[in-house]
């Protein structure tokens, strides 16, 4: 449909509509699944008008069919039912409207829906969305609880009344949404995302009363399951009753069998907590008393020991022994010092007797040359050489005569 147009040579609306219709007419028939949101069967009219909507997205498309095509399934198909239609795209040129011309309509049975849900469950489980390690722990005492439920519903009343009865100070941020029908999925997803973005919300409860399998289908929608898996805030699923098991139960961080059960699991009971505190306080008191009594017995036993009753007795017994050892040490040390002094005196006397000074005192002299060397041999001196003579009281010079 690439055309050469410009602001000076535009195409008329009718021509554009005709070209679009020609292109659409070349399209083949397709099988389409959706949920009937509007159904128009005018008496005497040969054409039935339907609106098919994608439950997971805000997208709808018009469908027309001949009366005999719809009459074949009129007993089992109504607004809200899921159907599969075999239709060919058509373009209504006067209004520029696209629609599908259905040649066959098949209702989607419960068995087929359950089979699809089981297949989707396996696919999501394989991705790890239901893994236990992804589950987040609920806070012990949430200050603000996000609640997603139907407007003025029994589920909302059960959660609010039971929670406030258990803990009167609890606060709620409520989002009323459609919990069944074509608008349920987008509204629930939006509400969950809004509550998850509120930092003060500690936990989110998605609640709905019981219903048929078709009524609970929105809570098995893949878009909702993925939205809950991406939440940073813990999510509690409280859908239907005990036998009901939508896919939301598997991806949620905690599953409650009923909305009332959700309130009991999320909000602690103030009476039970007071009783628990009292029991813990009594247990702590008993533990402290037992510890004090045990320490008192240990202290009494320690005080009864002889070393504690008369602590100086052991010191007195050791004092005599220490005094005896001290005297013995002193005698031994005095004996060693006396013997060392005697040996030192004798050694000093021998050293003095053998010293050169003692020899000089006996009248001897030492002759030294000018360089200080002692003369030991007459051959070491020459005639007329001057020498120094050292005696005990000093020194003087001498000259060699021959």
Protein backbone atom coordinates (compact mmCIF):
# COMPACT_ATOMS: atom_id res chain seq x y z
CA UNK A 1 0.00 0.00 0.00
CA UNK A 2 2.96 2.31 -0.48
CA UNK A 3 1.44 5.32 -2.23
CA UNK A 4 2.87 8.57 -3.50
CA UNK A 5 0.94 11.24 -1.64
CA UNK A 6 1.66 14.74 -0.43
CA UNK A 7 -0.11 17.71 1.07
CA UNK A 8 -0.91 18.87 -2.46
CA UNK A 9 -2.11 15.47 -3.72
CA UNK A 10 -3.86 13.78 -0.75
CA UNK A 11 -6.13 10.75 -0.96
CA UNK A 12 -9.81 11.03 -0.12
CA UNK A 13 -11.00 9.26 3.01
CA UNK A 14 -13.08 6.88 0.96
CA UNK A 15 -10.09 5.86 -1.12
CA UNK A 16 -7.99 5.23 1.99
CA UNK A 17 -10.79 3.19 3.52
CA UNK A 18 -11.20 1.24 0.27
CA UNK A 19 -7.48 0.47 0.10
CA UNK A 20 -7.42 -0.68 3.74
CA UNK A 21 -10.42 -2.88 3.09
CA UNK A 22 -8.76 -4.41 0.04
CA UNK A 23 -5.66 -5.24 2.05
CA UNK A 24 -7.72 -6.76 4.91
CA UNK A 25 -9.81 -8.82 2.47
CA UNK A 26 -6.64 -10.64 1.50
CA UNK A 27 -6.16 -11.86 5.06
CA UNK A 28 -7.19 -15.41 5.87
CA UNK A 29 -9.44 -16.71 8.61
CA UNK A 30 -8.00 -17.23 12.13
CA UNK A 31 -9.00 -18.92 15.37
CA UNK A 32 -9.40 -16.34 18.14
CA UNK A 33 -9.96 -16.89 21.88
CA UNK A 34 -11.51 -14.33 24.20
CA UNK A 35 -14.21 -13.51 26.69
CA UNK A 36 -17.61 -12.23 25.59
CA UNK A 37 -18.20 -8.82 27.18
CA UNK A 38 -21.15 -7.63 25.08
CA UNK A 39 -23.78 -9.67 23.30
CA UNK A 40 -26.49 -8.16 21.06
CA UNK A 41 -29.25 -10.41 19.66
CA UNK A 42 -31.96 -8.25 18.22
CA UNK A 43 -35.26 -10.00 17.62
CA UNK A 44 -35.72 -10.73 13.95
CA UNK A 45 -32.20 -9.62 13.03
CA UNK A 46 -30.11 -12.04 11.00
CA UNK A 47 -26.79 -10.89 12.49
CA UNK A 48 -25.54 -11.21 16.09
CA UNK A 49 -22.99 -8.70 17.42
CA UNK A 50 -20.36 -9.72 19.97
CA UNK A 51 -17.40 -8.04 21.67
CA UNK A 52 -14.45 -10.28 22.49
CA UNK A 53 -12.00 -9.09 25.14
CA UNK A 54 -8.58 -10.35 26.16
CA UNK A 55 -8.86 -10.92 29.96
CA UNK A 56 -5.17 -10.26 30.44
CA UNK A 57 -5.04 -6.99 28.51
CA UNK A 58 -7.28 -4.03 27.92
CA UNK A 59 -7.96 -5.01 24.29
CA UNK A 60 -11.31 -5.75 22.65
CA UNK A 61 -12.49 -6.46 19.11
CA UNK A 62 -15.94 -6.60 17.53
CA UNK A 63 -17.28 -9.88 16.13
CA UNK A 64 -20.31 -10.46 13.93
CA UNK A 65 -21.89 -13.72 12.87
CA UNK A 66 -25.06 -14.93 11.25
CA UNK A 67 -27.84 -15.88 13.60
CA UNK A 68 -27.70 -19.56 12.74
CA UNK A 69 -23.98 -19.62 13.71
CA UNK A 70 -24.72 -18.25 17.18
CA UNK A 71 -27.90 -20.28 17.66
CA UNK A 72 -25.76 -23.44 17.59
CA UNK A 73 -24.16 -22.44 20.91
CA UNK A 74 -26.78 -20.07 22.32
CA UNK A 75 -27.69 -22.47 25.13
CA UNK A 76 -24.15 -22.59 26.58
CA UNK A 77 -22.73 -19.17 25.66
CA UNK A 78 -23.57 -15.89 27.35
CA UNK A 79 -21.83 -12.70 28.44
CA UNK A 80 -18.70 -13.51 30.42
CA UNK A 81 -18.16 -16.89 28.76
CA UNK A 82 -14.88 -17.80 27.16
CA UNK A 83 -15.13 -18.86 23.53
CA UNK A 84 -12.99 -19.72 20.54
CA UNK A 85 -14.23 -18.36 17.23
CA UNK A 86 -13.16 -19.06 13.66
CA UNK A 87 -13.42 -15.74 11.91
CA UNK A 88 -12.11 -13.66 9.01
CA UNK A 89 -11.16 -9.99 9.42
CA UNK A 90 -13.53 -7.55 7.73
CA UNK A 91 -13.33 -3.84 7.12
CA UNK A 92 -16.51 -1.79 7.23
CA UNK A 93 -15.57 1.04 4.88
CA UNK A 94 -18.38 3.57 5.68
CA UNK A 95 -17.33 3.75 9.34
CA UNK A 96 -13.70 2.71 8.97
CA UNK A 97 -14.24 -0.10 11.48
CA UNK A 98 -12.45 -3.43 11.76
CA UNK A 99 -14.36 -6.49 12.90
CA UNK A 100 -14.26 -10.27 12.66
CA UNK A 101 -16.88 -12.26 10.74
CA UNK A 102 -17.30 -15.53 12.67
CA UNK A 103 -18.24 -18.71 10.90
CA UNK A 104 -17.97 -20.98 13.95
CA UNK A 105 -18.15 -20.44 17.72
CA UNK A 106 -16.94 -22.97 20.27
CA UNK A 107 -17.30 -22.55 24.01
CA UNK A 108 -14.17 -23.22 26.05
CA UNK A 109 -15.03 -25.99 28.49
CA UNK A 110 -13.94 -26.28 32.11
CA UNK A 111 -11.76 -29.25 31.31
CA UNK A 112 -9.92 -27.36 28.61
CA UNK A 113 -9.48 -24.34 30.91
CA UNK A 114 -8.08 -26.54 33.66
CA UNK A 115 -5.70 -28.21 31.21
CA UNK A 116 -4.43 -24.83 30.06
CA UNK A 117 -3.99 -23.72 33.65
CA UNK A 118 -2.02 -26.85 34.43
CA UNK A 119 0.22 -26.24 31.43
CA UNK A 120 0.73 -22.61 32.47
CA UNK A 121 1.47 -23.75 36.02
CA UNK A 122 4.22 -26.09 34.80
CA UNK A 123 5.69 -23.38 32.60
CA UNK A 124 5.81 -20.82 35.41
CA UNK A 125 7.18 -23.38 37.85
CA UNK A 126 9.97 -24.19 35.40
CA UNK A 127 10.91 -20.50 35.44
CA UNK A 128 11.27 -20.70 39.22
CA UNK A 129 8.40 -18.32 40.06
CA UNK A 130 7.00 -20.80 42.60
CA UNK A 131 10.36 -21.67 44.21
CA UNK A 132 10.39 -21.59 48.02
CA UNK A 133 13.64 -19.58 48.12
CA UNK A 134 11.78 -16.69 46.46
CA UNK A 135 9.29 -16.48 49.29
CA UNK A 136 9.66 -13.45 51.55
CA UNK A 137 8.98 -13.61 55.27
CA UNK A 138 6.03 -11.65 56.63
CA UNK A 139 6.72 -8.95 59.24
CA UNK A 140 5.79 -9.86 62.81
CA UNK A 141 3.67 -6.75 63.37
CA UNK A 142 2.77 -4.90 60.14
CA UNK A 143 1.99 -1.23 60.68
CA UNK A 144 0.18 -0.74 57.35
CA UNK A 145 -1.46 -3.57 55.37
CA UNK A 146 -2.42 -3.26 51.71
CA UNK A 147 -5.72 -4.96 50.88
CA UNK A 148 -6.92 -5.73 47.34
CA UNK A 149 -10.55 -6.92 47.29
CA UNK A 150 -13.99 -6.30 45.86
CA UNK A 151 -15.96 -3.24 46.88
CA UNK A 152 -18.15 -3.83 49.97
CA UNK A 153 -17.41 -7.54 49.71
CA UNK A 154 -17.57 -10.18 52.42
CA UNK A 155 -13.83 -10.76 51.94
CA UNK A 156 -13.07 -7.13 52.77
CA UNK A 157 -15.30 -7.24 55.84
CA UNK A 158 -13.76 -10.49 57.07
CA UNK A 159 -10.19 -9.22 56.75
CA UNK A 160 -10.84 -5.80 58.33
CA UNK A 161 -12.98 -7.02 61.22
CA UNK A 162 -10.77 -9.97 62.16
CA UNK A 163 -7.56 -7.99 61.87
CA UNK A 164 -8.82 -5.09 64.01
CA UNK A 165 -10.25 -7.50 66.53
CA UNK A 166 -6.84 -9.13 66.88
CA UNK A 167 -4.80 -5.90 66.87
CA UNK A 168 -6.89 -2.70 67.12
CA UNK A 169 -4.01 -0.41 66.10
CA UNK A 170 -3.50 -2.01 62.69
CA UNK A 171 -4.05 0.23 59.65
CA UNK A 172 -5.16 -0.70 56.10
CA UNK A 173 -4.65 0.76 52.65
CA UNK A 174 -7.61 -0.67 50.69
CA UNK A 175 -7.90 -0.92 46.91
CA UNK A 176 -11.38 -1.93 45.71
CA UNK A 177 -11.26 -3.69 42.34
CA UNK A 178 -13.30 -6.02 40.18
CA UNK A 179 -12.58 -9.57 41.33
CA UNK A 180 -14.23 -11.33 38.38
CA UNK A 181 -15.02 -10.56 34.80
CA UNK A 182 -13.03 -8.93 32.06
CA UNK A 183 -11.82 -6.00 34.15
CA UNK A 184 -10.54 -8.06 37.06
CA UNK A 185 -7.00 -8.80 35.88
CA UNK A 186 -5.90 -5.27 34.90
CA UNK A 187 -7.47 -3.73 38.01
CA UNK A 188 -5.94 -6.26 40.40
CA UNK A 189 -2.52 -5.93 38.73
CA UNK A 190 -2.66 -2.14 38.95
CA UNK A 191 -3.74 -2.24 42.61
CA UNK A 192 -0.93 -4.64 43.55
CA UNK A 193 1.67 -2.48 41.79
CA UNK A 194 0.37 0.70 43.46
CA UNK A 195 0.55 -0.86 46.92
CA UNK A 196 4.00 -2.31 46.24
CA UNK A 197 5.28 1.17 45.36
CA UNK A 198 4.10 2.55 48.74
CA UNK A 199 7.10 2.18 51.01
CA UNK A 200 5.02 2.24 54.20
CA UNK A 201 2.97 -0.83 53.18
CA UNK A 202 4.46 -3.86 55.00
CA UNK A 203 2.38 -6.64 53.44
CA UNK A 204 -0.26 -6.98 50.70
CA UNK A 205 -3.34 -9.21 50.95
CA UNK A 206 -5.25 -10.17 47.79
CA UNK A 207 -8.64 -11.44 48.98
CA UNK A 208 -11.78 -12.81 47.34
CA UNK A 209 -14.61 -15.03 48.46
CA UNK A 210 -15.35 -18.41 46.95
CA UNK A 211 -16.77 -18.93 43.49
CA UNK A 212 -16.83 -21.14 40.46
CA UNK A 213 -13.75 -22.01 38.45
CA UNK A 214 -14.68 -19.36 35.88
CA UNK A 215 -15.06 -16.72 38.59
CA UNK A 216 -11.58 -17.44 39.96
CA UNK A 217 -9.85 -17.51 36.56
CA UNK A 218 -8.51 -13.93 36.87
CA UNK A 219 -6.36 -15.05 39.82
CA UNK A 220 -4.67 -17.66 37.63
CA UNK A 221 -3.83 -15.13 34.91
CA UNK A 222 -0.17 -15.10 33.86
CA UNK A 223 0.04 -11.30 33.94
CA UNK A 224 -1.12 -11.21 37.57
CA UNK A 225 1.20 -14.05 38.56
CA UNK A 226 4.23 -12.26 37.11
CA UNK A 227 3.21 -8.96 38.71
CA UNK A 228 3.07 -10.62 42.15
CA UNK A 229 6.42 -12.36 41.53
CA UNK A 230 8.04 -8.96 40.89
CA UNK A 231 6.69 -7.40 44.11
CA UNK A 232 9.23 -6.32 46.73
CA UNK A 233 6.50 -6.37 49.40
CA UNK A 234 5.35 -9.77 50.78
CA UNK A 235 2.05 -10.86 49.21
CA UNK A 236 -0.59 -13.06 50.85
CA UNK A 237 -3.12 -14.90 48.68
CA UNK A 238 -6.57 -15.35 50.22
CA UNK A 239 -8.70 -16.49 47.28
CA UNK A 240 -11.84 -18.55 47.66
CA UNK A 241 -12.03 -21.37 50.17
CA UNK A 242 -9.82 -24.27 51.17
CA UNK A 243 -10.34 -26.40 47.98
CA UNK A 244 -9.76 -23.43 45.64
CA UNK A 245 -6.20 -23.27 44.36
CA UNK A 246 -5.54 -20.55 41.75
CA UNK A 247 -2.00 -19.95 40.49
CA UNK A 248 -1.79 -16.85 42.68
CA UNK A 249 -1.54 -19.20 45.70
CA UNK A 250 1.70 -20.68 44.32
CA UNK A 251 3.50 -17.43 43.56
CA UNK A 252 2.37 -15.59 46.71
CA UNK A 253 4.72 -15.53 49.70
CA UNK A 254 1.97 -17.03 51.88
CA UNK A 255 -1.31 -18.79 51.07
CA UNK A 256 -4.32 -18.35 53.32
CA UNK A 257 -7.28 -20.69 52.98
CA UNK A 258 -9.82 -17.86 53.44
CA UNK A 259 -9.80 -14.08 53.92
CA UNK A 260 -10.40 -14.66 57.64
CA UNK A 261 -7.42 -16.98 57.75
CA UNK A 262 -5.33 -14.30 56.03
CA UNK A 263 -6.15 -11.79 58.79
CA UNK A 264 -5.13 -14.35 61.43
CA UNK A 265 -1.83 -15.15 59.70
CA UNK A 266 -0.83 -11.55 58.99
CA UNK A 267 -1.92 -9.80 62.21
CA UNK A 268 -0.90 -11.19 65.63
CA UNK A 269 -3.54 -11.46 68.36
CA UNK A 270 -2.94 -8.88 71.09
CA UNK A 271 -4.35 -11.18 73.77
CA UNK A 272 -2.15 -14.07 72.69
CA UNK A 273 0.90 -11.79 72.61
CA UNK A 274 0.16 -10.48 76.12
CA UNK A 275 -0.12 -14.07 77.34
CA UNK A 276 3.09 -15.02 75.54
CA UNK A 277 4.89 -12.06 77.13
CA UNK A 278 3.56 -13.06 80.56
CA UNK A 279 4.73 -16.65 80.11
CA UNK A 280 8.15 -15.52 78.90
CA UNK A 281 8.43 -13.10 81.82
CA UNK A 282 7.56 -15.88 84.31
CA UNK A 283 10.04 -18.20 82.63
CA UNK A 284 12.75 -15.52 82.76
CA UNK A 285 12.01 -14.88 86.46
CA UNK A 286 12.27 -18.60 87.26
CA UNK A 287 15.54 -18.86 85.35
CA UNK A 288 17.00 -15.87 87.21
CA UNK A 289 15.85 -17.17 90.58
CA UNK A 290 17.33 -20.62 89.86
CA UNK A 291 20.59 -18.99 88.77
CA UNK A 292 20.76 -16.86 91.95
CA UNK A 293 20.01 -19.86 94.16
CA UNK A 294 22.69 -21.91 92.44
CA UNK A 295 25.27 -19.16 92.85
CA UNK A 296 24.29 -18.72 96.52
CA UNK A 297 24.86 -22.43 97.13
CA UNK A 298 28.19 -22.24 95.35
CA UNK A 299 29.20 -19.20 97.41
CA UNK A 300 28.20 -20.91 100.68
CA UNK A 301 30.20 -24.00 99.71
CA UNK A 302 33.23 -21.82 98.89
CA UNK A 303 32.97 -19.93 102.18
CA UNK A 304 32.91 -23.25 104.08
CA UNK A 305 36.35 -24.24 102.79
CA UNK A 306 39.24 -23.98 105.34
CA UNK A 307 41.21 -21.67 103.09
CA UNK A 308 38.35 -19.15 103.17
CA UNK A 309 37.46 -19.57 106.87
CA UNK A 310 41.10 -18.96 108.01
CA UNK A 311 42.94 -17.49 105.03
CA UNK A 312 46.06 -16.56 107.12
CA UNK A 313 46.72 -20.11 108.30
CA UNK A 314 48.38 -21.17 105.08
CA UNK A 315 50.47 -17.98 105.10
CA UNK A 316 51.58 -18.60 108.68
CA UNK A 317 52.55 -22.19 107.85
CA UNK A 318 54.64 -21.01 104.94
CA UNK A 319 56.21 -18.07 106.79
CA UNK A 320 58.45 -20.31 109.00
CA UNK A 321 59.58 -22.30 106.00
CA UNK A 322 60.39 -19.11 104.10
CA UNK A 323 62.36 -17.74 107.13
CA UNK A 324 64.37 -21.00 107.39
CA UNK A 325 65.20 -20.90 103.71
CA UNK A 326 66.16 -17.23 103.99
CA UNK A 327 68.62 -17.94 106.87
CA UNK A 328 70.09 -20.87 105.02
CA UNK A 329 70.50 -18.77 101.92
CA UNK A 330 72.19 -16.01 103.86
CA UNK A 331 74.67 -18.46 105.53
CA UNK A 332 75.47 -20.07 102.22
CA UNK A 333 75.97 -16.71 100.54
CA UNK A 334 78.17 -15.44 103.45
CA UNK A 335 80.34 -18.59 103.25
CA UNK A 336 80.74 -18.15 99.49
CA UNK A 337 81.64 -14.49 99.89
CA UNK A 338 84.20 -15.26 102.63
CA UNK A 339 85.86 -17.92 100.53
CA UNK A 340 85.91 -15.67 97.48
CA UNK A 341 87.44 -12.85 99.58
CA UNK A 342 90.20 -15.16 100.84
CA UNK A 343 90.97 -16.35 97.33
CA UNK A 344 91.03 -12.78 96.09
CA UNK A 345 93.47 -11.74 98.85
CA UNK A 346 95.87 -14.57 98.06
CA UNK A 347 95.67 -13.90 94.34
CA UNK A 348 96.33 -10.20 94.91
CA UNK A 349 99.39 -11.02 97.03
CA UNK A 350 100.81 -13.29 94.32
CA UNK A 351 100.15 -10.70 91.63
CA UNK A 352 101.89 -8.01 93.68
CA UNK A 353 104.87 -10.25 94.38
CA UNK A 354 105.31 -11.06 90.72
CA UNK A 355 104.69 -7.55 89.39
CA UNK A 356 107.60 -5.49 87.82
CA UNK A 357 107.08 -2.79 90.46
CA UNK A 358 107.92 -5.27 93.23
CA UNK A 359 111.09 -6.26 91.37
CA UNK A 360 112.09 -2.60 91.03
CA UNK A 361 111.56 -2.09 94.76
CA UNK A 362 114.16 -4.75 95.44
CA UNK A 363 116.76 -2.53 93.74
CA UNK A 364 116.51 -3.58 90.14
CA UNK A 365 116.32 -1.18 87.17
CA UNK A 366 114.98 -1.45 83.61
CA UNK A 367 116.96 0.05 80.73
CA UNK A 368 114.96 1.37 77.80
CA UNK A 369 116.07 2.75 74.51
CA UNK A 370 114.67 6.00 73.14
CA UNK A 371 111.86 4.15 71.31
CA UNK A 372 110.76 2.54 74.61
CA UNK A 373 112.04 -0.99 73.98
CA UNK A 374 113.69 -2.67 77.00
CA UNK A 375 117.32 -3.65 76.63
CA UNK A 376 117.76 -7.39 77.07
CA UNK A 377 121.16 -7.98 75.38
CA UNK A 378 124.34 -5.85 75.46
CA UNK A 379 124.56 -6.28 71.74
CA UNK A 380 121.42 -4.16 71.41
CA UNK A 381 123.27 -0.96 72.47
CA UNK A 382 126.22 1.00 71.05
CA UNK A 383 128.91 3.13 72.67
CA UNK A 384 127.86 6.58 73.75
CA UNK A 385 124.15 5.72 73.32
CA UNK A 386 121.84 7.34 75.76
CA UNK A 387 119.41 5.09 77.62
CA UNK A 388 116.69 5.60 80.22
CA UNK A 389 116.86 3.73 83.48
CA UNK A 390 113.59 3.08 85.34
CA UNK A 391 113.75 2.37 89.10
CA UNK A 392 111.00 1.97 91.69
CA UNK A 393 110.88 5.69 92.50
CA UNK A 394 111.37 7.16 88.99
CA UNK A 395 113.75 7.18 86.03
CA UNK A 396 116.98 8.87 84.82
CA UNK A 397 119.29 8.87 81.77
CA UNK A 398 122.52 6.90 81.44
CA UNK A 399 125.17 6.76 78.72
CA UNK A 400 126.88 3.63 77.47
CA UNK A 401 130.59 3.97 78.09
CA UNK A 402 131.87 1.10 75.99
